Each structure stands twice: as structure tokens, then as C-alpha cells.
Amino acid sequence: MTLPPAETPLYNHPLPEIEAWLTSQGCQQDQSDLHRWLVARIGWDAEIIMEAEELTVRYVGAGRDGSDVVRSFKYSLSRQDLDQVIFSGP
């Protein structure tokens, strides 16, 4: 599967292409909750939820007090922008 150019807004990607992108980033889809994806990197873990209007990312225990850090990103952002803001960590 060939993804659209990285500068393309995520809302112009069909769902299988978004799923392929998340998989290519090392994310694992939760088989019991298909809109939920998990990713682990050195130093942080996150949960990505594909909502109707945005992606919500919860960085587990990333707050100064050990709380979760939650950020939301609109599908109007490009895949390139989302790569930078999501996968660079909290």
C-alpha cells in the first residue's frame, strides 16, 4: 500500500492507509477495541485513540507528577506534522 505524500492532511487518507501508517510507526492495534492503538518507545508509552474528529494521544505517566499527559490533534494536520508531534514523545 502506498501512502499519500507526507504533507497530505490525515483526513485525506482512507482508514486502511491510516492503519498502515500507525503500524509503520510501531503501533499495535488493540484487537478488542479497534480504534485504540498502543505504542512503546524508549522512555515513554502511549495510547492513540482514533476519535471521530481527532486523534487523542495519552502518554502514560509522562506528567511531572506521574500523571498521564493527554493531547488531541485534528485530522486536518498532515501525516508529517503528526509524525513529529506524536512520535517525538510527550
PDB file of N, CA and C in Angstrom:
ATOM      1  N   MET A   1       0.849  -1.182   0.000  1.00  0.00           N
ATOM      2  CA  MET A   1       0.000   0.000   0.000  1.00  0.00           C
ATOM      3  C   MET A   1       0.889   1.239   0.000  1.00  0.00           C
ATOM      4  N   THR A   2       0.620   2.131  -0.897  1.00  0.00           N
ATOM      5  CA  THR A   2       1.377   3.372  -0.991  1.00  0.00           C
ATOM      6  C   THR A   2       0.597   4.483  -0.305  1.00  0.00           C
ATOM      7  N   LEU A   3       1.230   5.142   0.640  1.00  0.00           N
ATOM      8  CA  LEU A   3       0.588   6.242   1.351  1.00  0.00           C
ATOM      9  C   LEU A   3       0.654   7.514   0.518  1.00  0.00           C
ATOM     10  N   PRO A   4      -0.316   8.413   0.693  1.00  0.00           N
ATOM     11  CA  PRO A   4      -0.229   9.729   0.051  1.00  0.00           C
ATOM     12  C   PRO A   4       1.017  10.456   0.548  1.00  0.00           C
ATOM     13  N   PRO A   5       1.416  11.531  -0.116  1.00  0.00           N
ATOM     14  CA  PRO A   5       2.573  12.299   0.357  1.00  0.00           C
ATOM     15  C   PRO A   5       2.400  12.694   1.830  1.00  0.00           C
ATOM     16  N   ALA A   6       3.522  12.787   2.530  1.00  0.00           N
ATOM     17  CA  ALA A   6       3.503  13.081   3.965  1.00  0.00           C
ATOM     18  C   ALA A   6       2.839  14.416   4.287  1.00  0.00           C
ATOM     19  N   GLU A   7       2.801  15.334   3.326  1.00  0.00           N
ATOM     20  CA  GLU A   7       2.202  16.657   3.550  1.00  0.00           C
ATOM     21  C   GLU A   7       0.671  16.632   3.445  1.00  0.00           C
ATOM     22  N   THR A   8       0.098  15.492   3.084  1.00  0.00           N
ATOM     23  CA  THR A   8      -1.347  15.363   2.906  1.00  0.00           C
ATOM     24  C   THR A   8      -2.041  15.329   4.264  1.00  0.00           C
ATOM     25  N   PRO A   9      -3.117  16.121   4.437  1.00  0.00           N
ATOM     26  CA  PRO A   9      -3.868  16.058   5.700  1.00  0.00           C
ATOM     27  C   PRO A   9      -4.368  14.630   5.950  1.00  0.00           C
ATOM     28  N   LEU A  10      -4.391  14.248   7.207  1.00  0.00           N
ATOM     29  CA  LEU A  10      -4.787  12.889   7.536  1.00  0.00           C
ATOM     30  C   LEU A  10      -6.218  12.591   7.108  1.00  0.00           C
ATOM     31  N   TYR A  11      -7.095  13.606   7.054  1.00  0.00           N
ATOM     32  CA  TYR A  11      -8.479  13.346   6.641  1.00  0.00           C
ATOM     33  C   TYR A  11      -8.574  12.947   5.173  1.00  0.00           C
ATOM     34  N   ASN A  12      -7.503  13.097   4.396  1.00  0.00           N
ATOM     35  CA  ASN A  12      -7.492  12.648   3.000  1.00  0.00           C
ATOM     36  C   ASN A  12      -6.904  11.242   2.851  1.00  0.00           C
ATOM     37  N   HIS A  13      -6.665  10.569   3.952  1.00  0.00           N
ATOM     38  CA  HIS A  13      -6.169   9.189   3.939  1.00  0.00           C
ATOM     39  C   HIS A  13      -7.340   8.244   4.217  1.00  0.00           C
ATOM     40  N   PRO A  14      -7.540   7.221   3.387  1.00  0.00           N
ATOM     41  CA  PRO A  14      -8.534   6.204   3.744  1.00  0.00           C
ATOM     42  C   PRO A  14      -8.089   5.470   5.019  1.00  0.00           C
ATOM     43  N   LEU A  15      -9.044   4.919   5.741  1.00  0.00           N
ATOM     44  CA  LEU A  15      -8.752   4.246   7.009  1.00  0.00           C
ATOM     45  C   LEU A  15      -7.648   3.191   6.890  1.00  0.00           C
ATOM     46  N   PRO A  16      -7.648   2.334   5.861  1.00  0.00           N
ATOM     47  CA  PRO A  16      -6.554   1.349   5.778  1.00  0.00           C
ATOM     48  C   PRO A  16      -5.175   2.005   5.678  1.00  0.00           C
ATOM     49  N   GLU A  17      -5.088   3.176   5.074  1.00  0.00           N
ATOM     50  CA  GLU A  17      -3.806   3.880   4.981  1.00  0.00           C
ATOM     51  C   GLU A  17      -3.394   4.473   6.330  1.00  0.00           C
ATOM     52  N   ILE A  18      -4.360   4.960   7.098  1.00  0.00           N
ATOM     53  CA  ILE A  18      -4.050   5.458   8.449  1.00  0.00           C
ATOM     54  C   ILE A  18      -3.563   4.297   9.312  1.00  0.00           C
ATOM     55  N   GLU A  19      -4.231   3.165   9.202  1.00  0.00           N
ATOM     56  CA  GLU A  19      -3.820   1.997   9.965  1.00  0.00           C
ATOM     57  C   GLU A  19      -2.423   1.533   9.545  1.00  0.00           C
ATOM     58  N   ALA A  20      -2.121   1.565   8.245  1.00  0.00           N
ATOM     59  CA  ALA A  20      -0.785   1.188   7.757  1.00  0.00           C
ATOM     60  C   ALA A  20       0.272   2.149   8.296  1.00  0.00           C
ATOM     61  N   TRP A  21      -0.054   3.450   8.333  1.00  0.00           N
ATOM     62  CA  TRP A  21       0.866   4.450   8.880  1.00  0.00           C
ATOM     63  C   TRP A  21       1.158   4.179  10.353  1.00  0.00           C
ATOM     64  N   LEU A  22       0.103   3.934  11.143  1.00  0.00           N
ATOM     65  CA  LEU A  22       0.307   3.652  12.562  1.00  0.00           C
ATOM     66  C   LEU A  22       1.135   2.381  12.749  1.00  0.00           C
ATOM     67  N   THR A  23       0.859   1.370  11.957  1.00  0.00           N
ATOM     68  CA  THR A  23       1.634   0.127  12.032  1.00  0.00           C
ATOM     69  C   THR A  23       3.095   0.384  11.684  1.00  0.00           C
ATOM     70  N   SER A  24       3.338   1.221  10.666  1.00  0.00           N
ATOM     71  CA  SER A  24       4.723   1.514  10.270  1.00  0.00           C
ATOM     72  C   SER A  24       5.473   2.272  11.357  1.00  0.00           C
ATOM     73  N   GLN A  25       4.740   2.934  12.239  1.00  0.00           N
ATOM     74  CA  GLN A  25       5.358   3.653  13.364  1.00  0.00           C
ATOM     75  C   GLN A  25       5.553   2.750  14.581  1.00  0.00           C
ATOM     76  N   GLY A  26       5.242   1.471  14.433  1.00  0.00           N
ATOM     77  CA  GLY A  26       5.425   0.528  15.529  1.00  0.00           C
ATOM     78  C   GLY A  26       4.244   0.417  16.465  1.00  0.00           C
ATOM     79  N   CYS A  27       3.110   0.979  16.078  1.00  0.00           N
ATOM     80  CA  CYS A  27       1.911   0.913  16.910  1.00  0.00           C
ATOM     81  C   CYS A  27       1.240  -0.449  16.750  1.00  0.00           C
ATOM     82  N   GLN A  28       0.607  -0.904  17.817  1.00  0.00           N
ATOM     83  CA  GLN A  28      -0.134  -2.160  17.815  1.00  0.00           C
ATOM     84  C   GLN A  28      -1.605  -1.858  18.044  1.00  0.00           C
ATOM     85  N   GLN A  29      -2.452  -2.366  17.160  1.00  0.00           N
ATOM     86  CA  GLN A  29      -3.885  -2.151  17.301  1.00  0.00           C
ATOM     87  C   GLN A  29      -4.442  -3.059  18.393  1.00  0.00           C
ATOM     88  N   ASP A  30      -5.296  -2.506  19.247  1.00  0.00           N
ATOM     89  CA  ASP A  30      -5.978  -3.271  20.289  1.00  0.00           C
ATOM     90  C   ASP A  30      -7.099  -4.060  19.608  1.00  0.00           C
ATOM     91  N   GLN A  31      -6.986  -5.363  19.578  1.00  0.00           N
ATOM     92  CA  GLN A  31      -7.946  -6.198  18.854  1.00  0.00           C
ATOM     93  C   GLN A  31      -9.329  -6.229  19.487  1.00  0.00           C
ATOM     94  N   SER A  32      -9.451  -5.849  20.747  1.00  0.00           N
ATOM     95  CA  SER A  32     -10.768  -5.797  21.383  1.00  0.00           C
ATOM     96  C   SER A  32     -11.383  -4.404  21.321  1.00  0.00           C
ATOM     97  N   ASP A  33     -10.609  -3.416  20.896  1.00  0.00           N
ATOM     98  CA  ASP A  33     -11.062  -2.022  20.812  1.00  0.00           C
ATOM     99  C   ASP A  33     -10.329  -1.398  19.621  1.00  0.00           C
ATOM    100  N   LEU A  34     -10.826  -1.628  18.411  1.00  0.00           N
ATOM    101  CA  LEU A  34     -10.081  -1.385  17.175  1.00  0.00           C
ATOM    102  C   LEU A  34      -9.693   0.069  16.922  1.00  0.00           C
ATOM    103  N   HIS A  35     -10.334   1.021  17.587  1.00  0.00           N
ATOM    104  CA  HIS A  35      -9.948   2.421  17.375  1.00  0.00           C
ATOM    105  C   HIS A  35      -8.806   2.839  18.308  1.00  0.00           C
ATOM    106  N   ARG A  36      -8.313   1.910  19.105  1.00  0.00           N
ATOM    107  CA  ARG A  36      -7.252   2.155  20.086  1.00  0.00           C
ATOM    108  C   ARG A  36      -5.956   1.492  19.630  1.00  0.00           C
ATOM    109  N   TRP A  37      -4.879   2.273  19.659  1.00  0.00           N
ATOM    110  CA  TRP A  37      -3.559   1.797  19.255  1.00  0.00           C
ATOM    111  C   TRP A  37      -2.574   2.059  20.385  1.00  0.00           C
ATOM    112  N   LEU A  38      -1.614   1.167  20.566  1.00  0.00           N
ATOM    113  CA  LEU A  38      -0.612   1.306  21.614  1.00  0.00           C
ATOM    114  C   LEU A  38       0.763   1.415  20.979  1.00  0.00           C
ATOM    115  N   VAL A  39       1.598   2.267  21.556  1.00  0.00           N
ATOM    116  CA  VAL A  39       2.967   2.426  21.066  1.00  0.00           C
ATOM    117  C   VAL A  39       3.895   2.562  22.263  1.00  0.00           C
ATOM    118  N   ALA A  40       5.038   1.908  22.153  1.00  0.00           N
ATOM    119  CA  ALA A  40       6.054   1.990  23.201  1.00  0.00           C
ATOM    120  C   ALA A  40       7.364   2.432  22.566  1.00  0.00           C
ATOM    121  N   ARG A  41       7.963   3.454  23.154  1.00  0.00           N
ATOM    122  CA  ARG A  41       9.271   3.940  22.717  1.00  0.00           C
ATOM    123  C   ARG A  41      10.183   3.960  23.937  1.00  0.00           C
ATOM    124  N   ILE A  42      11.452   4.076  23.718  1.00  0.00           N
ATOM    125  CA  ILE A  42      12.375   4.187  24.848  1.00  0.00           C
ATOM    126  C   ILE A  42      12.013   5.452  25.625  1.00  0.00           C
ATOM    127  N   GLY A  43      11.658   5.297  26.868  1.00  0.00           N
ATOM    128  CA  GLY A  43      11.351   6.438  27.728  1.00  0.00           C
ATOM    129  C   GLY A  43       9.885   6.812  27.814  1.00  0.00           C
ATOM    130  N   TRP A  44       9.029   6.262  26.940  1.00  0.00           N
ATOM    131  CA  TRP A  44       7.612   6.590  27.046  1.00  0.00           C
ATOM    132  C   TRP A  44       6.731   5.539  26.366  1.00  0.00           C
ATOM    133  N   ASP A  45       5.490   5.465  26.850  1.00  0.00           N
ATOM    134  CA  ASP A  45       4.441   4.626  26.265  1.00  0.00           C
ATOM    135  C   ASP A  45       3.238   5.512  26.021  1.00  0.00           C
ATOM    136  N   ALA A  46       2.488   5.184  24.970  1.00  0.00           N
ATOM    137  CA  ALA A  46       1.313   5.999  24.670  1.00  0.00           C
ATOM    138  C   ALA A  46       0.186   5.136  24.120  1.00  0.00           C
ATOM    139  N   GLU A  47      -0.994   5.690  24.239  1.00  0.00           N
ATOM    140  CA  GLU A  47      -2.207   5.121  23.676  1.00  0.00           C
ATOM    141  C   GLU A  47      -2.747   6.153  22.689  1.00  0.00           C
ATOM    142  N   ILE A  48      -3.055   5.719  21.479  1.00  0.00           N
ATOM    143  CA  ILE A  48      -3.621   6.606  20.462  1.00  0.00           C
ATOM    144  C   ILE A  48      -5.048   6.148  20.210  1.00  0.00           C
ATOM    145  N   ILE A  49      -5.982   7.085  20.354  1.00  0.00           N
ATOM    146  CA  ILE A  49      -7.392   6.778  20.135  1.00  0.00           C
ATOM    147  C   ILE A  49      -7.851   7.525  18.883  1.00  0.00           C
ATOM    148  N   MET A  50      -8.390   6.787  17.928  1.00  0.00           N
ATOM    149  CA  MET A  50      -8.918   7.394  16.713  1.00  0.00           C
ATOM    150  C   MET A  50     -10.372   7.789  16.978  1.00  0.00           C
ATOM    151  N   GLU A  51     -10.571   9.059  17.290  1.00  0.00           N
ATOM    152  CA  GLU A  51     -11.902   9.602  17.556  1.00  0.00           C
ATOM    153  C   GLU A  51     -12.545  10.019  16.236  1.00  0.00           C
ATOM    154  N   ALA A  52     -13.776  10.464  16.271  1.00  0.00           N
ATOM    155  CA  ALA A  52     -14.479  10.877  15.060  1.00  0.00           C
ATOM    156  C   ALA A  52     -13.844  12.102  14.416  1.00  0.00           C
ATOM    157  N   GLU A  53     -13.379  13.063  15.208  1.00  0.00           N
ATOM    158  CA  GLU A  53     -12.871  14.318  14.670  1.00  0.00           C
ATOM    159  C   GLU A  53     -11.387  14.562  14.915  1.00  0.00           C
ATOM    160  N   GLU A  54     -10.743  13.686  15.692  1.00  0.00           N
ATOM    161  CA  GLU A  54      -9.352  13.919  16.049  1.00  0.00           C
ATOM    162  C   GLU A  54      -8.702  12.649  16.557  1.00  0.00           C
ATOM    163  N   LEU A  55      -7.385  12.696  16.637  1.00  0.00           N
ATOM    164  CA  LEU A  55      -6.612  11.650  17.303  1.00  0.00           C
ATOM    165  C   LEU A  55      -6.311  12.146  18.708  1.00  0.00           C
ATOM    166  N   THR A  56      -6.547  11.318  19.696  1.00  0.00           N
ATOM    167  CA  THR A  56      -6.202  11.654  21.064  1.00  0.00           C
ATOM    168  C   THR A  56      -5.051  10.754  21.480  1.00  0.00           C
ATOM    169  N   VAL A  57      -4.007  11.362  22.013  1.00  0.00           N
ATOM    170  CA  VAL A  57      -2.826  10.624  22.442  1.00  0.00           C
ATOM    171  C   VAL A  57      -2.682  10.789  23.944  1.00  0.00           C
ATOM    172  N   ARG A  58      -2.573   9.652  24.638  1.00  0.00           N
ATOM    173  CA  ARG A  58      -2.362   9.667  26.092  1.00  0.00           C
ATOM    174  C   ARG A  58      -0.997   9.066  26.355  1.00  0.00           C
ATOM    175  N   TYR A  59      -0.079   9.920  26.791  1.00  0.00           N
ATOM    176  CA  TYR A  59       1.259   9.472  27.168  1.00  0.00           C
ATOM    177  C   TYR A  59       1.180   9.012  28.624  1.00  0.00           C
ATOM    178  N   VAL A  60       1.387   7.735  28.847  1.00  0.00           N
ATOM    179  CA  VAL A  60       1.184   7.115  30.150  1.00  0.00           C
ATOM    180  C   VAL A  60       2.280   7.543  31.128  1.00  0.00           C
ATOM    181  N   GLY A  61       1.853   8.160  32.241  1.00  0.00           N
ATOM    182  CA  GLY A  61       2.770   8.535  33.315  1.00  0.00           C
ATOM    183  C   GLY A  61       3.806   9.575  32.950  1.00  0.00           C
ATOM    184  N   ALA A  62       3.540  10.384  31.923  1.00  0.00           N
ATOM    185  CA  ALA A  62       4.547  11.326  31.425  1.00  0.00           C
ATOM    186  C   ALA A  62       4.531  12.687  32.119  1.00  0.00           C
ATOM    187  N   GLY A  63       3.527  12.934  32.949  1.00  0.00           N
ATOM    188  CA  GLY A  63       3.476  14.215  33.656  1.00  0.00           C
ATOM    189  C   GLY A  63       4.529  14.290  34.750  1.00  0.00           C
ATOM    190  N   ARG A  64       4.844  15.491  35.169  1.00  0.00           N
ATOM    191  CA  ARG A  64       5.861  15.672  36.223  1.00  0.00           C
ATOM    192  C   ARG A  64       5.520  14.904  37.489  1.00  0.00           C
ATOM    193  N   ASP A  65       4.228  14.800  37.779  1.00  0.00           N
ATOM    194  CA  ASP A  65       3.781  14.088  38.981  1.00  0.00           C
ATOM    195  C   ASP A  65       3.435  12.631  38.693  1.00  0.00           C
ATOM    196  N   GLY A  66       3.776  12.160  37.503  1.00  0.00           N
ATOM    197  CA  GLY A  66       3.476  10.778  37.131  1.00  0.00           C
ATOM    198  C   GLY A  66       2.107  10.581  36.525  1.00  0.00           C
ATOM    199  N   SER A  67       1.375  11.679  36.364  1.00  0.00           N
ATOM    200  CA  SER A  67       0.057  11.578  35.739  1.00  0.00           C
ATOM    201  C   SER A  67       0.218  11.426  34.220  1.00  0.00           C
ATOM    202  N   ASP A  68      -0.862  11.053  33.575  1.00  0.00           N
ATOM    203  CA  ASP A  68      -0.845  10.927  32.125  1.00  0.00           C
ATOM    204  C   ASP A  68      -0.920  12.305  31.473  1.00  0.00           C
ATOM    205  N   VAL A  69      -0.310  12.444  30.317  1.00  0.00           N
ATOM    206  CA  VAL A  69      -0.384  13.661  29.522  1.00  0.00           C
ATOM    207  C   VAL A  69      -1.252  13.339  28.314  1.00  0.00           C
ATOM    208  N   VAL A  70      -2.311  14.128  28.107  1.00  0.00           N
ATOM    209  CA  VAL A  70      -3.242  13.867  27.015  1.00  0.00           C
ATOM    210  C   VAL A  70      -3.213  15.039  26.044  1.00  0.00           C
ATOM    211  N   ARG A  71      -3.078  14.704  24.761  1.00  0.00           N
ATOM    212  CA  ARG A  71      -3.086  15.719  23.704  1.00  0.00           C
ATOM    213  C   ARG A  71      -4.017  15.252  22.595  1.00  0.00           C
ATOM    214  N   SER A  72      -4.671  16.205  21.943  1.00  0.00           N
ATOM    215  CA  SER A  72      -5.562  15.887  20.827  1.00  0.00           C
ATOM    216  C   SER A  72      -5.109  16.629  19.583  1.00  0.00           C
ATOM    217  N   PHE A  73      -5.227  15.948  18.440  1.00  0.00           N
ATOM    218  CA  PHE A  73      -4.771  16.502  17.166  1.00  0.00           C
ATOM    219  C   PHE A  73      -5.845  16.280  16.111  1.00  0.00           C
ATOM    220  N   LYS A  74      -6.207  17.336  15.416  1.00  0.00           N
ATOM    221  CA  LYS A  74      -7.222  17.270  14.368  1.00  0.00           C
ATOM    222  C   LYS A  74      -6.692  16.503  13.156  1.00  0.00           C
ATOM    223  N   TYR A  75      -7.586  15.846  12.445  1.00  0.00           N
ATOM    224  CA  TYR A  75      -7.228  15.125  11.227  1.00  0.00           C
ATOM    225  C   TYR A  75      -6.822  16.071  10.094  1.00  0.00           C
ATOM    226  N   SER A  76      -7.002  17.365  10.284  1.00  0.00           N
ATOM    227  CA  SER A  76      -6.590  18.331   9.259  1.00  0.00           C
ATOM    228  C   SER A  76      -5.073  18.528   9.244  1.00  0.00           C
ATOM    229  N   LEU A  77      -4.383  18.050  10.280  1.00  0.00           N
ATOM    230  CA  LEU A  77      -2.916  18.103  10.279  1.00  0.00           C
ATOM    231  C   LEU A  77      -2.376  17.067   9.301  1.00  0.00           C
ATOM    232  N   SER A  78      -1.228  17.362   8.739  1.00  0.00           N
ATOM    233  CA  SER A  78      -0.623  16.409   7.802  1.00  0.00           C
ATOM    234  C   SER A  78      -0.022  15.237   8.565  1.00  0.00           C
ATOM    235  N   ARG A  79       0.172  14.142   7.853  1.00  0.00           N
ATOM    236  CA  ARG A  79       0.817  12.984   8.451  1.00  0.00           C
ATOM    237  C   ARG A  79       2.229  13.349   8.919  1.00  0.00           C
ATOM    238  N   GLN A  80       2.902  14.185   8.177  1.00  0.00           N
ATOM    239  CA  GLN A  80       4.246  14.639   8.549  1.00  0.00           C
ATOM    240  C   GLN A  80       4.213  15.390   9.877  1.00  0.00           C
ATOM    241  N   ASP A  81       3.262  16.308  10.020  1.00  0.00           N
ATOM    242  CA  ASP A  81       3.135  17.056  11.285  1.00  0.00           C
ATOM    243  C   ASP A  81       2.798  16.120  12.442  1.00  0.00           C
ATOM    244  N   LEU A  82       1.898  15.175  12.186  1.00  0.00           N
ATOM    245  CA  LEU A  82       1.502  14.241  13.243  1.00  0.00           C
ATOM    246  C   LEU A  82       2.661  13.336  13.634  1.00  0.00           C
ATOM    247  N   ASP A  83       3.464  12.909  12.661  1.00  0.00           N
ATOM    248  CA  ASP A  83       4.663  12.125  12.980  1.00  0.00           C
ATOM    249  C   ASP A  83       5.538  12.891  13.974  1.00  0.00           C
ATOM    250  N   GLN A  84       5.719  14.169  13.723  1.00  0.00           N
ATOM    251  CA  GLN A  84       6.602  14.986  14.552  1.00  0.00           C
ATOM    252  C   GLN A  84       6.018  15.206  15.948  1.00  0.00           C
ATOM    253  N   VAL A  85       4.747  15.520  16.032  1.00  0.00           N
ATOM    254  CA  VAL A  85       4.183  15.849  17.353  1.00  0.00           C
ATOM    255  C   VAL A  85       3.828  14.623  18.187  1.00  0.00           C
ATOM    256  N   ILE A  86       3.426  13.540  17.551  1.00  0.00           N
ATOM    257  CA  ILE A  86       3.041  12.352  18.322  1.00  0.00           C
ATOM    258  C   ILE A  86       4.269  11.525  18.690  1.00  0.00           C
ATOM    259  N   PHE A  87       5.097  11.222  17.697  1.00  0.00           N
ATOM    260  CA  PHE A  87       6.151  10.225  17.905  1.00  0.00           C
ATOM    261  C   PHE A  87       7.464  10.797  18.423  1.00  0.00           C
ATOM    262  N   SER A  88       7.495  12.101  18.653  1.00  0.00           N
ATOM    263  CA  SER A  88       8.667  12.667  19.323  1.00  0.00           C
ATOM    264  C   SER A  88       8.531  12.548  20.838  1.00  0.00           C
ATOM    265  N   GLY A  89       7.341  12.162  21.294  1.00  0.00           N
ATOM    266  CA  GLY A  89       7.109  11.919  22.725  1.00  0.00           C
ATOM    267  C   GLY A  89       6.473  13.105  23.421  1.00  0.00           C
ATOM    268  N   PRO A  90       6.207  12.895  24.694  1.00  0.00           N
ATOM    269  CA  PRO A  90       5.485  13.931  25.472  1.00  0.00           C
ATOM    270  C   PRO A  90       6.298  15.184  25.700  1.00  0.00           C
TER     271      PRO A  90
END
